[in-house]
Amino acid sequence: MTARGTLNRELVISAAAAVADRSGINAVSMRTVGAELGVKAMSIYHHVSDKEALLDALAEWVFAQIELPVVGDPWREAMSKRAASARAVLGQHPWGLGMLESRPVPGPALMRHHDRVVGCLMSQGFSALLATHAFSTLDAYIYGFVLTEVSLPFAAEGETEADFAARVAPSEAEYPHLARALEELFAQESYAFSDEFLDGLNLILDGLAQRLAAAQGHERPTGADPRRA
């Protein structure tokens, strides 16, 4: 229980995040946050003006959890660290997936985050256009991977990818290529879907490195669209 006099904005936002973690973002309201803190809903209005302001603050809260890249650091290492941090944060708070870019008024945490990512890339030779391509592609990959990861349909507690694959194994006669792929994958006892994150991330970073090298050498990668250099 929290006495009204000890409330502050930080406690309110943390309580809202706890409600969202437990029940989803649609469960967040002045009433549910008040109940989380053991106070009446009206007490919350002393710290956030309305529900929309509360949701704006939650979006800011999520962004603030993600490790910021440092302008001047090697871009590939910085983007890898940021991607790993974003994956971890969104995995813990998957309700944030739908909020990071959707709030109508960007707050300072969001703006600072974007400024650092773009600054890190441009300080290493990325043009504004290539930095935007990189930012967009990386975020689409991170958000999409986390959405898949938190939605994996492992029914039994402790069920592994191999257990699940065996339980829903496709007919070899109907789906020969999928059956063969699964058999080869799970013949390697070390396979885990979570490892796909780093492999996919490196594919993107390899492509960005090639685009950057081509731009700096005034050459286009084979097959590149000249309008996107």
C-alpha atoms as a PDB file:
ATOM      1  CA  MET A   1       0.000   0.000   0.000  1.00  0.00           C
ATOM      2  CA  THR A   2       1.234   3.483  -0.821  1.00  0.00           C
ATOM      3  CA  ALA A   3       0.131   6.578   1.040  1.00  0.00           C
ATOM      4  CA  ARG A   4      -0.986   9.425  -1.196  1.00  0.00           C
ATOM      5  CA  GLY A   5       1.658  11.719   0.248  1.00  0.00           C
ATOM      6  CA  THR A   6       4.470   9.373  -0.817  1.00  0.00           C
ATOM      7  CA  LEU A   7       3.315   9.100  -4.425  1.00  0.00           C
ATOM      8  CA  ASN A   8       5.377  10.565  -7.231  1.00  0.00           C
ATOM      9  CA  ARG A   9       5.378  10.359 -11.013  1.00  0.00           C
ATOM     10  CA  GLU A  10       8.060   7.663 -11.109  1.00  0.00           C
ATOM     11  CA  LEU A  11       6.055   5.375  -8.811  1.00  0.00           C
ATOM     12  CA  VAL A  12       2.936   5.894 -10.911  1.00  0.00           C
ATOM     13  CA  ILE A  13       4.731   4.972 -14.147  1.00  0.00           C
ATOM     14  CA  SER A  14       6.380   1.934 -12.550  1.00  0.00           C
ATOM     15  CA  ALA A  15       2.981   0.781 -11.289  1.00  0.00           C
ATOM     16  CA  ALA A  16       1.490   1.245 -14.762  1.00  0.00           C
ATOM     17  CA  ALA A  17       4.309  -0.859 -16.212  1.00  0.00           C
ATOM     18  CA  ALA A  18       3.598  -3.568 -13.627  1.00  0.00           C
ATOM     19  CA  VAL A  19      -0.097  -3.606 -14.618  1.00  0.00           C
ATOM     20  CA  ALA A  20       0.862  -3.834 -18.304  1.00  0.00           C
ATOM     21  CA  ASP A  21       3.373  -6.625 -17.615  1.00  0.00           C
ATOM     22  CA  ARG A  22       0.747  -8.657 -15.826  1.00  0.00           C
ATOM     23  CA  SER A  23      -2.389  -7.956 -17.862  1.00  0.00           C
ATOM     24  CA  GLY A  24      -1.415  -6.143 -21.072  1.00  0.00           C
ATOM     25  CA  ILE A  25      -1.491  -2.520 -22.104  1.00  0.00           C
ATOM     26  CA  ASN A  26      -5.284  -2.444 -22.461  1.00  0.00           C
ATOM     27  CA  ALA A  27      -5.568  -3.091 -18.726  1.00  0.00           C
ATOM     28  CA  VAL A  28      -3.761   0.142 -17.872  1.00  0.00           C
ATOM     29  CA  SER A  29      -6.085   2.826 -16.518  1.00  0.00           C
ATOM     30  CA  MET A  30      -6.101   5.357 -13.730  1.00  0.00           C
ATOM     31  CA  ARG A  31      -8.202   2.924 -11.709  1.00  0.00           C
ATOM     32  CA  THR A  32      -5.959  -0.128 -12.183  1.00  0.00           C
ATOM     33  CA  VAL A  33      -2.796   1.865 -11.515  1.00  0.00           C
ATOM     34  CA  GLY A  34      -4.389   3.304  -8.392  1.00  0.00           C
ATOM     35  CA  ALA A  35      -5.292  -0.207  -7.258  1.00  0.00           C
ATOM     36  CA  GLU A  36      -1.710  -1.336  -7.913  1.00  0.00           C
ATOM     37  CA  LEU A  37      -0.495   1.431  -5.609  1.00  0.00           C
ATOM     38  CA  GLY A  38      -3.261   1.040  -3.051  1.00  0.00           C
ATOM     39  CA  VAL A  39      -4.705   4.502  -3.618  1.00  0.00           C
ATOM     40  CA  LYS A  40      -7.826   5.936  -5.231  1.00  0.00           C
ATOM     41  CA  ALA A  41      -7.719   6.691  -8.952  1.00  0.00           C
ATOM     42  CA  MET A  42      -8.077  10.428  -8.281  1.00  0.00           C
ATOM     43  CA  SER A  43      -4.670  10.411  -6.569  1.00  0.00           C
ATOM     44  CA  ILE A  44      -3.042   9.453  -9.877  1.00  0.00           C
ATOM     45  CA  TYR A  45      -4.263  12.671 -11.523  1.00  0.00           C
ATOM     46  CA  HIS A  46      -1.899  14.670  -9.326  1.00  0.00           C
ATOM     47  CA  HIS A  47       1.002  13.091 -11.254  1.00  0.00           C
ATOM     48  CA  VAL A  48      -0.329  12.439 -14.790  1.00  0.00           C
ATOM     49  CA  SER A  49      -3.099  14.459 -16.360  1.00  0.00           C
ATOM     50  CA  ASP A  50      -5.064  11.636 -18.022  1.00  0.00           C
ATOM     51  CA  LYS A  51      -4.783   8.159 -19.488  1.00  0.00           C
ATOM     52  CA  GLU A  52      -3.185   9.368 -22.726  1.00  0.00           C
ATOM     53  CA  ALA A  53      -0.477  11.141 -20.739  1.00  0.00           C
ATOM     54  CA  LEU A  54       0.020   7.919 -18.779  1.00  0.00           C
ATOM     55  CA  LEU A  55       0.464   5.929 -22.002  1.00  0.00           C
ATOM     56  CA  ASP A  56       2.902   8.555 -23.330  1.00  0.00           C
ATOM     57  CA  ALA A  57       4.898   8.184 -20.125  1.00  0.00           C
ATOM     58  CA  LEU A  58       4.885   4.393 -20.468  1.00  0.00           C
ATOM     59  CA  ALA A  59       6.264   4.616 -24.007  1.00  0.00           C
ATOM     60  CA  GLU A  60       9.005   6.894 -22.683  1.00  0.00           C
ATOM     61  CA  TRP A  61       9.658   4.446 -19.842  1.00  0.00           C
ATOM     62  CA  VAL A  62      10.256   1.596 -22.311  1.00  0.00           C
ATOM     63  CA  PHE A  63      12.613   3.657 -24.457  1.00  0.00           C
ATOM     64  CA  ALA A  64      14.567   4.666 -21.363  1.00  0.00           C
ATOM     65  CA  GLN A  65      15.257   1.003 -20.559  1.00  0.00           C
ATOM     66  CA  ILE A  66      17.037   0.350 -23.876  1.00  0.00           C
ATOM     67  CA  GLU A  67      20.805   0.865 -23.920  1.00  0.00           C
ATOM     68  CA  LEU A  68      21.744   3.887 -25.994  1.00  0.00           C
ATOM     69  CA  PRO A  69      24.590   3.676 -28.517  1.00  0.00           C
ATOM     70  CA  VAL A  70      27.494   6.049 -28.008  1.00  0.00           C
ATOM     71  CA  VAL A  71      28.225   8.459 -30.841  1.00  0.00           C
ATOM     72  CA  GLY A  72      31.757   7.770 -32.021  1.00  0.00           C
ATOM     73  CA  ASP A  73      31.783   4.080 -31.062  1.00  0.00           C
ATOM     74  CA  PRO A  74      32.226   1.552 -33.906  1.00  0.00           C
ATOM     75  CA  TRP A  75      28.795   1.413 -35.504  1.00  0.00           C
ATOM     76  CA  ARG A  76      28.480  -2.361 -35.856  1.00  0.00           C
ATOM     77  CA  GLU A  77      29.296  -3.083 -32.222  1.00  0.00           C
ATOM     78  CA  ALA A  78      27.012  -0.253 -31.093  1.00  0.00           C
ATOM     79  CA  MET A  79      24.088  -1.473 -33.200  1.00  0.00           C
ATOM     80  CA  SER A  80      24.598  -5.040 -31.957  1.00  0.00           C
ATOM     81  CA  LYS A  81      24.536  -3.931 -28.312  1.00  0.00           C
ATOM     82  CA  ARG A  82      21.460  -1.776 -28.879  1.00  0.00           C
ATOM     83  CA  ALA A  83      19.674  -4.626 -30.659  1.00  0.00           C
ATOM     84  CA  ALA A  84      20.437  -7.054 -27.829  1.00  0.00           C
ATOM     85  CA  SER A  85      19.248  -4.520 -25.262  1.00  0.00           C
ATOM     86  CA  ALA A  86      16.033  -3.769 -27.162  1.00  0.00           C
ATOM     87  CA  ARG A  87      15.315  -7.473 -27.517  1.00  0.00           C
ATOM     88  CA  ALA A  88      15.791  -8.031 -23.785  1.00  0.00           C
ATOM     89  CA  VAL A  89      13.649  -5.050 -22.773  1.00  0.00           C
ATOM     90  CA  LEU A  90      10.810  -5.853 -25.177  1.00  0.00           C
ATOM     91  CA  GLY A  91      10.942  -9.518 -24.239  1.00  0.00           C
ATOM     92  CA  GLN A  92      10.322  -8.513 -20.624  1.00  0.00           C
ATOM     93  CA  HIS A  93       7.693  -5.918 -21.579  1.00  0.00           C
ATOM     94  CA  PRO A  94       6.103  -7.135 -24.853  1.00  0.00           C
ATOM     95  CA  TRP A  95       3.271  -4.619 -24.523  1.00  0.00           C
ATOM     96  CA  GLY A  96       5.886  -2.040 -25.508  1.00  0.00           C
ATOM     97  CA  LEU A  97       6.044  -3.422 -29.048  1.00  0.00           C
ATOM     98  CA  GLY A  98       2.928  -1.565 -30.056  1.00  0.00           C
ATOM     99  CA  MET A  99       3.907   1.660 -28.305  1.00  0.00           C
ATOM    100  CA  LEU A 100       7.477   2.508 -29.229  1.00  0.00           C
ATOM    101  CA  GLU A 101       6.627   4.331 -32.426  1.00  0.00           C
ATOM    102  CA  SER A 102       2.880   4.823 -32.106  1.00  0.00           C
ATOM    103  CA  ARG A 103       2.437   7.650 -29.619  1.00  0.00           C
ATOM    104  CA  PRO A 104       1.333  10.877 -31.356  1.00  0.00           C
ATOM    105  CA  VAL A 105       3.691  13.151 -29.394  1.00  0.00           C
ATOM    106  CA  PRO A 106       7.287  11.871 -29.144  1.00  0.00           C
ATOM    107  CA  GLY A 107       8.861  12.489 -25.760  1.00  0.00           C
ATOM    108  CA  PRO A 108      12.473  13.304 -24.876  1.00  0.00           C
ATOM    109  CA  ALA A 109      13.490   9.675 -24.269  1.00  0.00           C
ATOM    110  CA  LEU A 110      12.267   8.681 -27.728  1.00  0.00           C
ATOM    111  CA  MET A 111      13.937  11.689 -29.349  1.00  0.00           C
ATOM    112  CA  ARG A 112      17.198  11.089 -27.497  1.00  0.00           C
ATOM    113  CA  HIS A 113      17.154   7.433 -28.541  1.00  0.00           C
ATOM    114  CA  HIS A 114      16.643   8.272 -32.210  1.00  0.00           C
ATOM    115  CA  ASP A 115      19.245  11.033 -32.071  1.00  0.00           C
ATOM    116  CA  ARG A 116      21.865   8.666 -30.646  1.00  0.00           C
ATOM    117  CA  VAL A 117      21.212   5.886 -33.151  1.00  0.00           C
ATOM    118  CA  VAL A 118      21.334   8.235 -36.139  1.00  0.00           C
ATOM    119  CA  GLY A 119      24.330  10.057 -34.666  1.00  0.00           C
ATOM    120  CA  CYS A 120      26.251   6.840 -34.118  1.00  0.00           C
ATOM    121  CA  LEU A 121      25.691   5.769 -37.710  1.00  0.00           C
ATOM    122  CA  MET A 122      26.364   9.140 -39.329  1.00  0.00           C
ATOM    123  CA  SER A 123      29.541   9.630 -37.273  1.00  0.00           C
ATOM    124  CA  GLN A 124      30.852   6.446 -38.911  1.00  0.00           C
ATOM    125  CA  GLY A 125      30.236   7.571 -42.481  1.00  0.00           C
ATOM    126  CA  PHE A 126      26.573   6.703 -43.058  1.00  0.00           C
ATOM    127  CA  SER A 127      24.643   9.232 -45.092  1.00  0.00           C
ATOM    128  CA  ALA A 128      21.356  10.410 -43.613  1.00  0.00           C
ATOM    129  CA  LEU A 129      19.512   8.189 -46.085  1.00  0.00           C
ATOM    130  CA  LEU A 130      21.588   5.073 -45.382  1.00  0.00           C
ATOM    131  CA  ALA A 131      21.353   5.684 -41.621  1.00  0.00           C
ATOM    132  CA  THR A 132      17.555   5.875 -41.983  1.00  0.00           C
ATOM    133  CA  HIS A 133      17.530   2.632 -43.987  1.00  0.00           C
ATOM    134  CA  ALA A 134      19.643   0.990 -41.289  1.00  0.00           C
ATOM    135  CA  PHE A 135      17.515   2.255 -38.407  1.00  0.00           C
ATOM    136  CA  SER A 136      14.260   1.199 -40.084  1.00  0.00           C
ATOM    137  CA  THR A 137      15.499  -2.255 -41.056  1.00  0.00           C
ATOM    138  CA  LEU A 138      17.055  -3.002 -37.683  1.00  0.00           C
ATOM    139  CA  ASP A 139      13.956  -1.963 -35.755  1.00  0.00           C
ATOM    140  CA  ALA A 140      11.644  -3.933 -38.048  1.00  0.00           C
ATOM    141  CA  TYR A 141      13.820  -6.981 -37.469  1.00  0.00           C
ATOM    142  CA  ILE A 142      14.098  -6.546 -33.696  1.00  0.00           C
ATOM    143  CA  TYR A 143      10.387  -5.887 -33.175  1.00  0.00           C
ATOM    144  CA  GLY A 144       9.375  -8.735 -35.480  1.00  0.00           C
ATOM    145  CA  PHE A 145      11.731 -11.219 -33.851  1.00  0.00           C
ATOM    146  CA  VAL A 146      10.578 -10.352 -30.339  1.00  0.00           C
ATOM    147  CA  LEU A 147       6.930 -10.628 -31.402  1.00  0.00           C
ATOM    148  CA  THR A 148       7.629 -14.110 -32.761  1.00  0.00           C
ATOM    149  CA  GLU A 149       9.707 -15.096 -29.741  1.00  0.00           C
ATOM    150  CA  VAL A 150       7.094 -14.129 -27.149  1.00  0.00           C
ATOM    151  CA  SER A 151       4.355 -15.828 -29.193  1.00  0.00           C
ATOM    152  CA  LEU A 152       5.984 -19.238 -29.648  1.00  0.00           C
ATOM    153  CA  PRO A 153       3.325 -21.869 -28.943  1.00  0.00           C
ATOM    154  CA  PHE A 154       5.166 -24.138 -26.534  1.00  0.00           C
ATOM    155  CA  ALA A 155       2.235 -25.592 -24.656  1.00  0.00           C
ATOM    156  CA  ALA A 156       3.872 -27.549 -21.849  1.00  0.00           C
ATOM    157  CA  GLU A 157       6.082 -25.907 -19.256  1.00  0.00           C
ATOM    158  CA  GLY A 158       9.681 -26.684 -20.064  1.00  0.00           C
ATOM    159  CA  GLU A 159       8.858 -27.875 -23.585  1.00  0.00           C
ATOM    160  CA  THR A 160      11.781 -27.289 -25.944  1.00  0.00           C
ATOM    161  CA  GLU A 161      11.806 -26.471 -29.638  1.00  0.00           C
ATOM    162  CA  ALA A 162      12.689 -30.106 -30.341  1.00  0.00           C
ATOM    163  CA  ASP A 163       9.784 -31.349 -28.194  1.00  0.00           C
ATOM    164  CA  PHE A 164       7.387 -29.018 -29.967  1.00  0.00           C
ATOM    165  CA  ALA A 165       8.702 -29.980 -33.413  1.00  0.00           C
ATOM    166  CA  ALA A 166       8.241 -33.668 -32.593  1.00  0.00           C
ATOM    167  CA  ARG A 167       4.714 -33.075 -31.306  1.00  0.00           C
ATOM    168  CA  VAL A 168       3.581 -31.221 -34.452  1.00  0.00           C
ATOM    169  CA  ALA A 169       5.865 -32.996 -36.924  1.00  0.00           C
ATOM    170  CA  PRO A 170       4.596 -32.486 -40.503  1.00  0.00           C
ATOM    171  CA  SER A 171       3.816 -35.373 -42.825  1.00  0.00           C
ATOM    172  CA  GLU A 172       6.900 -36.192 -44.861  1.00  0.00           C
ATOM    173  CA  ALA A 173       4.661 -37.185 -47.775  1.00  0.00           C
ATOM    174  CA  GLU A 174       2.812 -33.836 -47.792  1.00  0.00           C
ATOM    175  CA  TYR A 175       5.608 -31.497 -46.715  1.00  0.00           C
ATOM    176  CA  PRO A 176       8.873 -33.207 -47.666  1.00  0.00           C
ATOM    177  CA  HIS A 177      11.077 -30.120 -47.602  1.00  0.00           C
ATOM    178  CA  LEU A 178       9.851 -28.926 -44.204  1.00  0.00           C
ATOM    179  CA  ALA A 179      10.167 -32.428 -42.745  1.00  0.00           C
ATOM    180  CA  ARG A 180      13.720 -32.724 -44.015  1.00  0.00           C
ATOM    181  CA  ALA A 181      14.679 -29.273 -42.714  1.00  0.00           C
ATOM    182  CA  LEU A 182      13.311 -30.033 -39.230  1.00  0.00           C
ATOM    183  CA  GLU A 183      15.034 -33.400 -39.129  1.00  0.00           C
ATOM    184  CA  GLU A 184      18.391 -31.842 -39.996  1.00  0.00           C
ATOM    185  CA  LEU A 185      17.913 -28.934 -37.584  1.00  0.00           C
ATOM    186  CA  PHE A 186      17.075 -31.022 -34.580  1.00  0.00           C
ATOM    187  CA  ALA A 187      19.728 -33.599 -35.342  1.00  0.00           C
ATOM    188  CA  GLN A 188      21.954 -30.861 -33.910  1.00  0.00           C
ATOM    189  CA  GLU A 189      21.113 -30.983 -30.223  1.00  0.00           C
ATOM    190  CA  SER A 190      22.396 -27.446 -29.730  1.00  0.00           C
ATOM    191  CA  TYR A 191      19.796 -25.808 -32.001  1.00  0.00           C
ATOM    192  CA  ALA A 192      17.569 -23.205 -30.379  1.00  0.00           C
ATOM    193  CA  PHE A 193      15.320 -20.664 -32.085  1.00  0.00           C
ATOM    194  CA  SER A 194      16.661 -17.916 -29.815  1.00  0.00           C
ATOM    195  CA  ASP A 195      20.039 -18.240 -31.551  1.00  0.00           C
ATOM    196  CA  GLU A 196      18.426 -17.107 -34.785  1.00  0.00           C
ATOM    197  CA  PHE A 197      18.396 -13.553 -33.483  1.00  0.00           C
ATOM    198  CA  LEU A 198      22.149 -13.079 -33.734  1.00  0.00           C
ATOM    199  CA  ASP A 199      22.378 -14.864 -37.090  1.00  0.00           C
ATOM    200  CA  GLY A 200      19.664 -12.681 -38.593  1.00  0.00           C
ATOM    201  CA  LEU A 201      21.141  -9.538 -37.057  1.00  0.00           C
ATOM    202  CA  ASN A 202      24.533 -10.323 -38.583  1.00  0.00           C
ATOM    203  CA  LEU A 203      22.951 -10.806 -42.005  1.00  0.00           C
ATOM    204  CA  ILE A 204      21.547  -7.277 -41.763  1.00  0.00           C
ATOM    205  CA  LEU A 205      24.783  -5.803 -40.429  1.00  0.00           C
ATOM    206  CA  ASP A 206      26.783  -7.545 -43.177  1.00  0.00           C
ATOM    207  CA  GLY A 207      24.511  -5.981 -45.782  1.00  0.00           C
ATOM    208  CA  LEU A 208      24.831  -2.543 -44.195  1.00  0.00           C
ATOM    209  CA  ALA A 209      28.625  -2.893 -44.104  1.00  0.00           C
ATOM    210  CA  GLN A 210      28.625  -3.659 -47.831  1.00  0.00           C
ATOM    211  CA  ARG A 211      26.364  -0.690 -48.580  1.00  0.00           C
ATOM    212  CA  LEU A 212      28.572   1.597 -46.484  1.00  0.00           C
ATOM    213  CA  ALA A 213      31.766   0.381 -48.120  1.00  0.00           C
ATOM    214  CA  ALA A 214      30.247   0.827 -51.572  1.00  0.00           C
ATOM    215  CA  ALA A 215      29.054   4.349 -50.740  1.00  0.00           C
ATOM    216  CA  GLN A 216      32.439   5.349 -49.363  1.00  0.00           C
ATOM    217  CA  GLY A 217      34.150   3.867 -52.417  1.00  0.00           C
ATOM    218  CA  HIS A 218      31.637   5.561 -54.738  1.00  0.00           C
ATOM    219  CA  GLU A 219      30.571   2.176 -56.063  1.00  0.00           C
ATOM    220  CA  ARG A 220      27.258   0.421 -55.820  1.00  0.00           C
ATOM    221  CA  PRO A 221      26.896  -3.159 -54.613  1.00  0.00           C
ATOM    222  CA  THR A 222      25.943  -5.581 -57.377  1.00  0.00           C
ATOM    223  CA  GLY A 223      22.224  -5.380 -58.033  1.00  0.00           C
ATOM    224  CA  ALA A 224      21.709  -2.257 -55.921  1.00  0.00           C
ATOM    225  CA  ASP A 225      19.044   0.231 -56.866  1.00  0.00           C
ATOM    226  CA  PRO A 226      20.924   3.470 -57.782  1.00  0.00           C
ATOM    227  CA  ARG A 227      18.079   5.530 -56.288  1.00  0.00           C
ATOM    228  CA  ARG A 228      18.819   4.055 -52.831  1.00  0.00           C
ATOM    229  CA  ALA A 229      22.583   4.568 -52.663  1.00  0.00           C
END
